Protein backbone atom coordinates (compact mmCIF):
# COMPACT_ATOMS: atom_id res chain seq x y z
CA MET A 1 17.28 -1.54 2.77
CA LYS A 2 14.81 -4.09 4.12
CA ILE A 3 11.43 -2.38 5.15
CA LEU A 4 8.97 -4.24 7.74
CA VAL A 5 5.27 -2.37 7.07
CA ILE A 6 3.17 -3.06 9.68
CA GLY A 7 -0.67 -3.63 8.99
CA GLY A 8 -3.21 -5.28 6.60
CA GLY A 9 -5.58 -2.96 5.18
CA GLY A 10 -5.51 -0.74 2.17
CA ARG A 11 -3.37 2.09 3.55
CA GLU A 12 -0.67 -0.38 4.19
CA HIS A 13 -0.62 -1.77 0.44
CA THR A 14 -0.55 1.89 -0.56
CA LEU A 15 2.43 2.12 1.47
CA VAL A 16 3.96 -0.72 0.43
CA TRP A 17 3.20 0.07 -3.26
CA LYS A 18 5.00 3.31 -2.63
CA ILE A 19 7.90 2.05 -0.78
CA ALA A 20 8.50 -0.69 -3.45
CA GLN A 21 9.26 2.04 -5.90
CA SER A 22 12.43 3.02 -3.87
CA PRO A 23 15.80 2.12 -5.37
CA LEU A 24 16.87 1.94 -1.76
CA VAL A 25 14.65 -1.05 -1.09
CA LYS A 26 15.47 -4.45 -1.74
CA LYS A 27 13.12 -6.33 0.31
CA ILE A 28 9.93 -5.66 2.02
CA TYR A 29 8.16 -7.55 4.70
CA CYS A 30 4.47 -6.43 6.08
CA ALA A 31 2.72 -7.97 8.89
CA PRO A 32 -0.08 -9.01 8.56
CA GLY A 33 -0.58 -7.82 5.10
CA ASN A 34 -3.36 -9.13 2.63
CA GLY A 35 -4.06 -10.63 -0.63
CA GLY A 36 -2.95 -7.94 -2.65
CA ILE A 37 0.38 -6.77 -0.54
CA GLN A 38 1.42 -10.42 -1.05
CA GLN A 39 2.19 -9.49 -4.77
CA LEU A 40 4.72 -7.08 -3.57
CA ALA A 41 6.12 -8.09 -0.28
CA GLU A 42 6.01 -11.05 2.10
CA CYS A 43 3.54 -11.15 4.42
CA VAL A 44 4.47 -12.25 7.67
CA PRO A 45 1.65 -13.78 10.01
CA ILE A 46 2.15 -11.77 13.02
CA GLN A 47 -0.90 -9.37 14.40
CA ASP A 48 -0.24 -5.62 14.43
CA THR A 49 -0.83 -5.45 17.94
CA ASP A 50 1.82 -8.24 18.59
CA ILE A 51 4.60 -5.98 19.86
CA ASP A 52 7.18 -8.35 21.01
CA GLN A 53 6.58 -10.82 17.93
CA LEU A 54 6.91 -7.66 15.75
CA GLU A 55 10.11 -6.36 17.52
CA ARG A 56 11.79 -10.01 17.60
CA PHE A 57 11.03 -10.27 13.58
CA ALA A 58 12.58 -6.98 12.81
CA ASP A 59 15.57 -7.83 14.79
CA GLU A 60 16.18 -11.25 13.68
CA ASN A 61 15.72 -10.00 10.19
CA HIS A 62 17.71 -7.27 10.21
CA ILE A 63 15.13 -4.37 9.38
CA ASP A 64 16.72 -1.06 8.56
CA LEU A 65 13.50 0.35 8.84
CA THR A 66 9.58 -0.16 10.09
CA VAL A 67 6.57 1.90 9.08
CA VAL A 68 3.69 1.73 11.14
CA GLY A 69 0.05 1.90 9.20
CA PRO A 70 -2.49 1.43 12.07
CA GLU A 71 -2.97 3.42 15.20
CA THR A 72 -3.54 0.54 17.43
CA PRO A 73 0.11 -0.37 17.59
CA LEU A 74 1.14 3.39 17.91
CA SER A 75 -0.97 3.85 21.01
CA LEU A 76 0.40 0.51 22.62
CA GLY A 77 3.94 2.11 21.96
CA ILE A 78 5.38 0.21 19.47
CA VAL A 79 7.65 3.09 18.59
CA ASP A 80 8.79 3.47 21.91
CA ALA A 81 9.87 -0.43 22.08
CA PHE A 82 11.62 -0.53 18.94
CA GLN A 83 13.76 2.41 19.48
CA SER A 84 14.91 1.09 23.25
CA GLN A 85 16.15 -1.98 21.03
CA GLY A 86 17.87 0.39 18.40
CA LEU A 87 15.68 -0.36 15.76
CA LYS A 88 14.23 2.35 13.49
CA ILE A 89 10.88 3.01 13.15
CA PHE A 90 8.79 5.50 11.27
CA GLY A 91 5.96 6.99 13.43
CA PRO A 92 5.20 8.97 16.78
CA SER A 93 5.80 7.75 20.73
CA LYS A 94 2.80 6.58 22.62
CA ARG A 95 2.97 9.80 24.40
CA ALA A 96 2.98 11.58 21.30
CA ALA A 97 0.30 9.07 19.80
CA GLU A 98 -2.27 10.51 22.53
CA LEU A 99 -3.19 13.29 20.19
CA GLU A 100 -5.06 10.38 18.35
CA SER A 101 -5.98 7.80 21.11
CA SER A 102 -7.18 10.33 23.48
CA LYS A 103 -9.65 13.10 22.31
CA SER A 104 -9.98 14.49 25.53
CA PHE A 105 -6.15 15.16 25.26
CA ALA A 106 -6.18 16.60 21.91
CA LYS A 107 -8.87 19.14 23.27
CA TYR A 108 -6.50 20.10 26.04
CA VAL A 109 -3.63 20.76 23.59
CA MET A 110 -6.02 22.71 21.20
CA GLU A 111 -7.29 24.75 24.23
CA LYS A 112 -3.88 25.46 25.76
CA TYR A 113 -2.12 26.38 22.96
CA LYS A 114 -4.92 28.46 21.03
CA ILE A 115 -5.33 25.97 18.04
CA PRO A 116 -8.70 26.65 16.36
CA THR A 117 -11.23 23.76 17.43
CA ALA A 118 -15.12 23.62 18.32
CA SER A 119 -15.87 24.39 21.86
CA PHE A 120 -16.52 21.45 23.93
CA ARG A 121 -17.01 19.64 27.28
CA ILE A 122 -15.39 16.57 28.65
CA PHE A 123 -17.42 14.08 30.47
CA ASP A 124 -16.68 10.91 32.31
CA SER A 125 -20.13 10.18 33.99
CA TYR A 126 -22.71 9.01 32.12
CA ASP A 127 -25.76 10.94 34.12
CA GLN A 128 -23.76 14.71 34.12
CA ALA A 129 -23.33 14.26 30.48
CA ASN A 130 -26.95 12.99 29.68
CA ALA A 131 -27.79 16.06 31.93
CA TYR A 132 -25.39 18.34 29.88
CA LEU A 133 -27.66 17.34 26.73
CA ASP A 134 -30.99 18.28 28.06
CA ASP A 135 -29.83 22.10 27.91
CA SER A 136 -27.03 22.07 25.05
CA GLU A 137 -27.73 23.72 21.49
CA ILE A 138 -28.71 20.95 18.58
CA PRO A 139 -27.32 19.70 16.33
CA ILE A 140 -24.36 18.43 18.38
CA VAL A 141 -21.29 16.13 18.36
CA ILE A 142 -20.80 13.42 20.61
CA LYS A 143 -17.31 11.52 20.60
CA ALA A 144 -15.79 8.25 22.28
CA ASP A 145 -12.53 9.63 23.77
CA GLY A 146 -10.47 6.67 22.82
CA LEU A 147 -10.13 4.95 19.72
CA ALA A 148 -12.86 3.61 17.90
CA ALA A 149 -11.70 2.40 14.13
CA GLY A 150 -13.60 5.82 12.71
CA LYS A 151 -17.19 5.14 14.12
CA GLY A 152 -16.84 6.57 17.54
CA ALA A 153 -18.26 9.97 16.77
CA PHE A 154 -21.87 10.70 16.15
CA VAL A 155 -23.42 14.20 14.75
CA CYS A 156 -26.68 14.38 16.28
CA PHE A 157 -29.36 16.45 15.02
CA THR A 158 -32.26 15.86 17.38
CA ARG A 159 -31.78 15.66 21.18
CA GLU A 160 -33.10 11.91 21.45
CA GLU A 161 -30.36 11.21 18.67
CA ALA A 162 -27.75 12.92 20.88
CA HIS A 163 -29.23 10.68 23.85
CA GLU A 164 -28.92 7.48 21.97
CA ALA A 165 -25.57 8.21 20.93
CA LEU A 166 -24.43 9.10 24.34
CA LYS A 167 -26.10 5.34 25.84
CA LYS A 168 -24.32 3.52 23.01
CA ILE A 169 -21.09 4.94 23.90
CA MET A 170 -21.38 4.92 27.72
CA LEU A 171 -24.17 2.45 28.76
CA GLU A 172 -23.79 -0.16 26.02
CA ARG A 173 -20.10 0.12 25.56
CA SER A 174 -20.17 -0.18 21.95
CA PHE A 175 -16.69 1.03 21.98
CA GLY A 176 -15.11 -0.98 25.09
CA ASP A 177 -13.00 1.20 27.11
CA ALA A 178 -12.88 4.09 24.47
CA GLY A 179 -16.24 5.13 25.77
CA ASN A 180 -15.13 5.65 29.30
CA LYS A 181 -15.06 9.56 28.56
CA VAL A 182 -17.05 11.43 26.01
CA VAL A 183 -16.19 14.91 24.55
CA ILE A 184 -19.26 16.56 23.58
CA GLU A 185 -18.63 19.62 21.35
CA GLU A 186 -20.26 22.20 19.17
CA TYR A 187 -21.41 21.40 15.57
CA LEU A 188 -19.14 22.85 13.11
CA GLN A 189 -20.91 23.96 9.67
CA GLY A 190 -18.76 23.58 6.62
CA GLN A 191 -17.05 20.85 4.53
CA GLU A 192 -14.29 18.74 5.92
CA ALA A 193 -11.17 18.28 4.64
CA SER A 194 -8.07 15.86 5.89
CA VAL A 195 -4.21 17.79 5.56
CA LEU A 196 -1.42 15.28 6.10
CA ALA A 197 2.15 16.14 7.04
CA PHE A 198 5.58 14.74 7.73
CA THR A 199 7.38 16.02 10.75
CA ASP A 200 10.51 15.64 12.19
CA GLY A 201 9.14 17.13 15.69
CA VAL A 202 10.14 20.85 14.49
CA ASN A 203 9.57 21.24 10.91
CA VAL A 204 6.44 20.49 8.79
CA LEU A 205 6.41 19.22 5.19
CA PRO A 206 2.92 18.94 4.16
CA LEU A 207 1.54 16.43 1.53
CA THR A 208 -1.29 17.47 -1.23
CA PRO A 209 -4.66 17.88 1.06
CA ALA A 210 -7.52 15.52 0.38
CA GLN A 211 -11.26 15.17 1.01
CA ASP A 212 -12.59 12.10 2.85
CA HIS A 213 -16.16 10.61 2.48
CA LYS A 214 -17.21 9.08 5.91
CA ALA A 215 -20.82 8.44 5.90
CA ILE A 216 -21.92 4.99 4.18
CA PHE A 217 -24.26 6.44 2.02
CA ASP A 218 -24.46 9.32 -1.14
CA GLY A 219 -24.81 12.57 0.13
CA ASP A 220 -23.18 11.97 3.31
CA LYS A 221 -26.06 10.39 4.84
CA GLY A 222 -26.00 7.42 7.20
CA PRO A 223 -23.63 6.28 9.88
CA ASN A 224 -19.91 7.18 9.70
CA THR A 225 -17.24 4.47 8.47
CA GLY A 226 -13.86 4.27 8.31
CA GLY A 227 -14.18 6.22 4.96
CA MET A 228 -15.74 5.11 1.69
CA GLY A 229 -13.47 7.01 -0.43
CA ALA A 230 -11.21 10.24 -1.00
CA TYR A 231 -10.26 12.61 -3.50
CA ALA A 232 -7.06 14.91 -4.05
CA PRO A 233 -5.97 17.73 -4.10
CA ALA A 234 -9.25 19.05 -2.06
CA VAL A 235 -10.43 22.05 -4.41
CA LEU A 236 -11.89 23.79 -1.18
CA ILE A 237 -8.17 24.10 -0.02
CA SER A 238 -6.34 26.97 -2.32
CA PRO A 239 -2.15 27.38 -2.13
CA ASN A 240 -3.03 30.57 0.34
CA MET A 241 -5.11 28.33 2.71
CA SER A 242 -2.49 25.52 2.86
CA ARG A 243 -0.28 28.48 4.07
CA ILE A 244 -2.77 28.97 6.52
CA ILE A 245 -3.10 25.69 7.73
CA GLN A 246 0.82 25.04 8.11
CA GLY A 247 1.12 28.37 10.15
CA LYS A 248 -2.17 28.27 12.55
CA ILE A 249 -2.48 24.41 12.87
CA LEU A 250 0.09 22.03 11.68
CA GLU A 251 3.35 24.04 12.94
CA PRO A 252 1.24 25.00 16.51
CA THR A 253 0.68 21.77 16.74
CA VAL A 254 4.08 19.91 16.74
CA LYS A 255 5.46 22.96 18.36
CA ALA A 256 2.82 22.29 21.15
CA MET A 257 3.91 18.68 21.45
CA ALA A 258 7.44 19.51 21.81
CA LEU A 259 6.60 21.78 24.73
CA GLU A 260 4.39 19.18 26.52
CA ARG A 261 7.81 16.77 26.35
CA ARG A 262 5.60 14.86 23.96
CA PRO A 263 7.99 15.58 20.48
CA TYR A 264 5.89 14.29 17.84
CA ARG A 265 7.73 12.61 14.75
CA GLY A 266 6.00 10.84 11.66
CA VAL A 267 3.04 11.96 10.05
CA ILE A 268 0.43 14.00 11.66
CA TYR A 269 -3.00 14.16 10.34
CA ALA A 270 -5.44 16.97 10.73
CA GLY A 271 -9.02 16.29 9.99
CA LEU A 272 -10.41 19.72 9.55
CA MET A 273 -13.90 21.60 9.19
CA MET A 274 -13.48 24.56 6.86
CA THR A 275 -15.80 26.93 8.37
CA LYS A 276 -16.80 30.64 7.71
CA GLN A 277 -14.50 31.64 10.20
CA GLY A 278 -11.24 29.75 8.95
CA PRO A 279 -10.02 26.04 9.15
CA LYS A 280 -11.05 24.43 12.64
CA VAL A 281 -9.40 20.83 13.85
CA VAL A 282 -12.13 18.04 13.90
CA GLU A 283 -9.65 15.32 15.18
CA TYR A 284 -6.10 14.51 14.80
CA ASN A 285 -4.65 10.98 13.58
CA CYS A 286 -1.12 10.04 14.43
CA ARG A 287 -0.70 7.77 10.81
CA PHE A 288 -1.70 8.16 7.52
CA GLY A 289 -5.62 8.16 6.96
CA ASP A 290 -7.39 5.55 4.99
CA PRO A 291 -8.63 6.32 2.35
CA GLU A 292 -6.79 9.45 1.82
CA THR A 293 -3.52 7.52 1.67
CA GLN A 294 -4.69 6.04 -1.54
CA ALA A 295 -5.05 9.04 -3.09
CA ILE A 296 -2.72 11.19 -1.89
CA LEU A 297 0.63 8.71 -2.30
CA PRO A 298 -0.07 8.32 -6.00
CA LEU A 299 0.58 12.03 -6.20
CA VAL A 300 3.70 12.01 -4.61
CA LYS A 301 6.55 12.05 -7.27
CA ASN A 302 9.45 11.33 -5.52
CA ASP A 303 10.99 8.67 -2.92
CA ILE A 304 9.42 8.62 0.27
CA ILE A 305 12.13 6.56 2.16
CA PRO A 306 14.54 9.05 2.54
CA ILE A 307 11.54 11.44 3.94
CA MET A 308 10.85 9.00 6.60
CA LEU A 309 14.06 8.54 7.55
CA ALA A 310 14.68 12.35 7.88
CA CYS A 311 11.63 12.48 10.05
CA GLY A 312 13.22 10.16 12.55
CA ASP A 313 16.81 11.97 12.06
CA GLY A 314 15.36 15.55 12.45
CA LYS A 315 16.43 16.48 9.36
CA ILE A 316 13.16 16.98 7.36
CA CYS A 317 14.30 20.54 6.39
CA ASP A 318 16.57 19.18 3.66
CA THR A 319 14.07 17.05 1.88
CA ALA A 320 11.01 18.31 -0.09
CA ILE A 321 7.69 16.55 -1.57
CA GLU A 322 7.90 16.75 -5.52
CA LYS A 323 3.91 16.67 -6.32
CA VAL A 324 2.18 14.94 -9.36
CA ASP A 325 -0.02 17.65 -10.90
CA LYS A 326 -3.01 15.62 -11.43
CA PHE A 327 -6.15 14.81 -9.49
CA ALA A 328 -6.57 11.46 -8.03
CA VAL A 329 -10.04 9.71 -6.50
CA CYS A 330 -10.28 6.26 -4.68
CA VAL A 331 -13.14 4.76 -4.40
CA ILE A 332 -13.83 2.08 -1.54
CA MET A 333 -15.82 -1.15 -2.61
CA ALA A 334 -16.97 -2.68 0.52
CA SER A 335 -18.76 -5.86 2.08
CA GLY A 336 -22.77 -5.61 1.67
CA GLY A 337 -23.66 -4.56 5.36
CA TYR A 338 -20.70 -2.47 6.36
CA PRO A 339 -20.14 -0.97 8.58
CA GLY A 340 -22.78 -3.20 10.60
CA LYS A 341 -22.55 -7.17 10.23
CA TYR A 342 -21.31 -8.43 6.88
CA GLU A 343 -20.01 -11.90 5.79
CA LYS A 344 -16.78 -12.91 4.54
CA GLY A 345 -15.21 -15.23 1.94
CA LYS A 346 -16.92 -13.72 -0.97
CA PRO A 347 -14.64 -14.64 -4.32
CA ILE A 348 -13.73 -11.23 -5.80
CA LEU A 349 -14.17 -11.28 -9.92
CA GLY A 350 -12.49 -8.98 -12.47
CA LEU A 351 -9.19 -8.25 -10.64
CA ASP A 352 -7.43 -9.64 -13.57
CA ARG A 353 -8.95 -7.67 -16.31
CA LYS A 354 -7.45 -4.64 -17.92
CA PHE A 355 -7.66 -1.41 -16.53
CA ASP A 356 -6.44 2.05 -17.55
CA ASP A 357 -2.71 3.02 -17.18
CA ASP A 358 -3.57 5.60 -14.52
CA VAL A 359 -5.81 2.79 -12.45
CA VAL A 360 -4.27 1.04 -9.19
CA ILE A 361 -6.29 -1.32 -7.20
CA PHE A 362 -5.66 -1.33 -3.68
CA HIS A 363 -6.62 -4.08 -1.42
CA SER A 364 -8.16 -3.31 1.99
CA GLY A 365 -9.81 -6.65 3.39
CA THR A 366 -8.75 -9.15 0.78
CA MET A 367 -7.15 -12.80 1.02
CA PHE A 368 -5.37 -14.85 -1.43
CA ASP A 369 -6.23 -18.75 -1.66
CA GLU A 370 -5.13 -21.15 -4.20
CA GLY A 371 -4.86 -18.27 -7.15
CA LYS A 372 -8.27 -16.40 -6.33
CA HIS A 373 -9.34 -13.58 -3.96
CA PHE A 374 -11.67 -13.32 -1.54
CA THR A 375 -13.32 -10.82 0.80
CA SER A 376 -11.93 -10.64 4.35
CA GLY A 377 -13.13 -7.26 5.64
CA GLY A 378 -15.69 -4.54 5.55
CA ARG A 379 -13.93 -2.27 3.11
CA VAL A 380 -12.48 -4.60 0.50
CA LEU A 381 -10.76 -2.38 -2.32
CA GLY A 382 -9.65 1.07 -2.71
CA VAL A 383 -10.26 1.60 -6.66
CA THR A 384 -7.70 4.99 -7.27
CA ALA A 385 -7.45 6.62 -10.45
CA LEU A 386 -5.52 9.66 -11.58
CA GLY A 387 -6.26 12.29 -14.45
CA SER A 388 -5.62 15.71 -15.29
CA ASP A 389 -9.07 16.40 -15.09
CA ILE A 390 -11.24 15.93 -12.03
CA ARG A 391 -14.64 15.18 -13.60
CA GLU A 392 -12.48 12.73 -16.15
CA THR A 393 -11.05 11.42 -13.32
CA ILE A 394 -14.07 10.33 -11.51
CA LYS A 395 -15.17 8.74 -14.60
CA ARG A 396 -12.19 6.46 -14.79
CA ALA A 397 -12.38 5.31 -11.21
CA TYR A 398 -15.79 4.53 -11.75
CA ARG A 399 -15.04 2.92 -15.03
CA ALA A 400 -12.56 0.49 -12.96
CA VAL A 401 -15.08 -0.41 -10.23
CA GLY A 402 -17.62 -1.42 -12.99
CA LYS A 403 -15.02 -4.24 -13.86
CA ILE A 404 -14.97 -5.42 -10.62
CA THR A 405 -17.55 -7.37 -8.50
CA PHE A 406 -18.13 -9.79 -5.48
CA ASP A 407 -21.65 -10.99 -3.73
CA GLY A 408 -22.98 -7.78 -2.03
CA ALA A 409 -20.33 -5.23 -3.18
CA TYR A 410 -21.36 -1.93 -2.44
CA TYR A 411 -20.02 1.52 -2.95
CA ARG A 412 -20.88 5.14 -3.14
CA LYS A 413 -21.38 6.84 -6.57
CA ASP A 414 -20.84 10.03 -5.48
CA ILE A 415 -16.95 10.11 -4.55
CA GLY A 416 -15.30 13.26 -5.52
CA TYR A 417 -18.35 15.33 -6.71
CA LYS A 418 -17.87 17.82 -3.90
CA ALA A 419 -14.86 19.07 -6.39
CA LEU A 420 -17.30 19.84 -9.06
């Protein structure tokens, strides 16, 4: 098979790395790719939002399966465009992807089909939302309705913070049209967890649950980022809790989408808050998480290509996931200043050093030029280690991080410590 992976981050490097292990695959392309991906795949200089060009490339190169990494092309309808031309593609349709691209639609689905989530109000008027904040309970959560690269949600612990977040989203337009509407919801107490599953529109095949670390600073302090690291399996989700999540959240969501005439096929990601009342949905993503993928896919023993094909063919019940009985810890190395302004083009040193056998370096924001790697994004590398003991796995990941450096390199020092 010839495979095309769309995207150029750490999630896509992990997908390429996993797909390259399949005996069914003879050639992988990635558009646009990055400095690490090009060691495993042929990178194609097409942006992930250029759907016409991507469709033309897939057709002309007889691509057997296209795998979509990021949310933006899904929200633009890349799956619909490819399928209309008879091209096989892994991911949900544009209407199904609204589960991520519109938080207000996601809330509508959860409310209608009684899927547990925080109570909420939706506003498209700044003045009405501002007035609502004056009388609401604090802390409170304010979210831009549309896609904001993981940075559009604000947990506000004072009324002043809440008004400032609302102003940033709706008046200052920090997230553009994504801030045309806001979802204001109750603050849920508990720990967050990420549960991903393959689905063919009817059946659900869960992956190993993970725990992401969204805030920039240790102890979950500071502004949200796209994710500063993850570990799996998340110890706060027991096998019994996994069954509850599948029965009360994942399966009802897939059924709800079918009833809404938006059949959902691909991978579904439920970001959960584990509260005293049980798991509640914080958000849905319509694709693999980043950086959760860097911790989850190394724990999948078998070939994922047959599973991806089964999602499109409605035959996922004929497949299974064989899980590696280990822990995985991924630490993100970011550019100084991220998630705010940061500089690019810094040489990355240490990637050629010897690492433990159970360590994999996934590239997020890198470029390769004249035999050297340079930074080209906010999140630069995902350093993933595997091990049978969580404490030792954390040490192994940070030992590997210590061998790599670039000017301004920043990383959290507490990834995985929640498992302890």
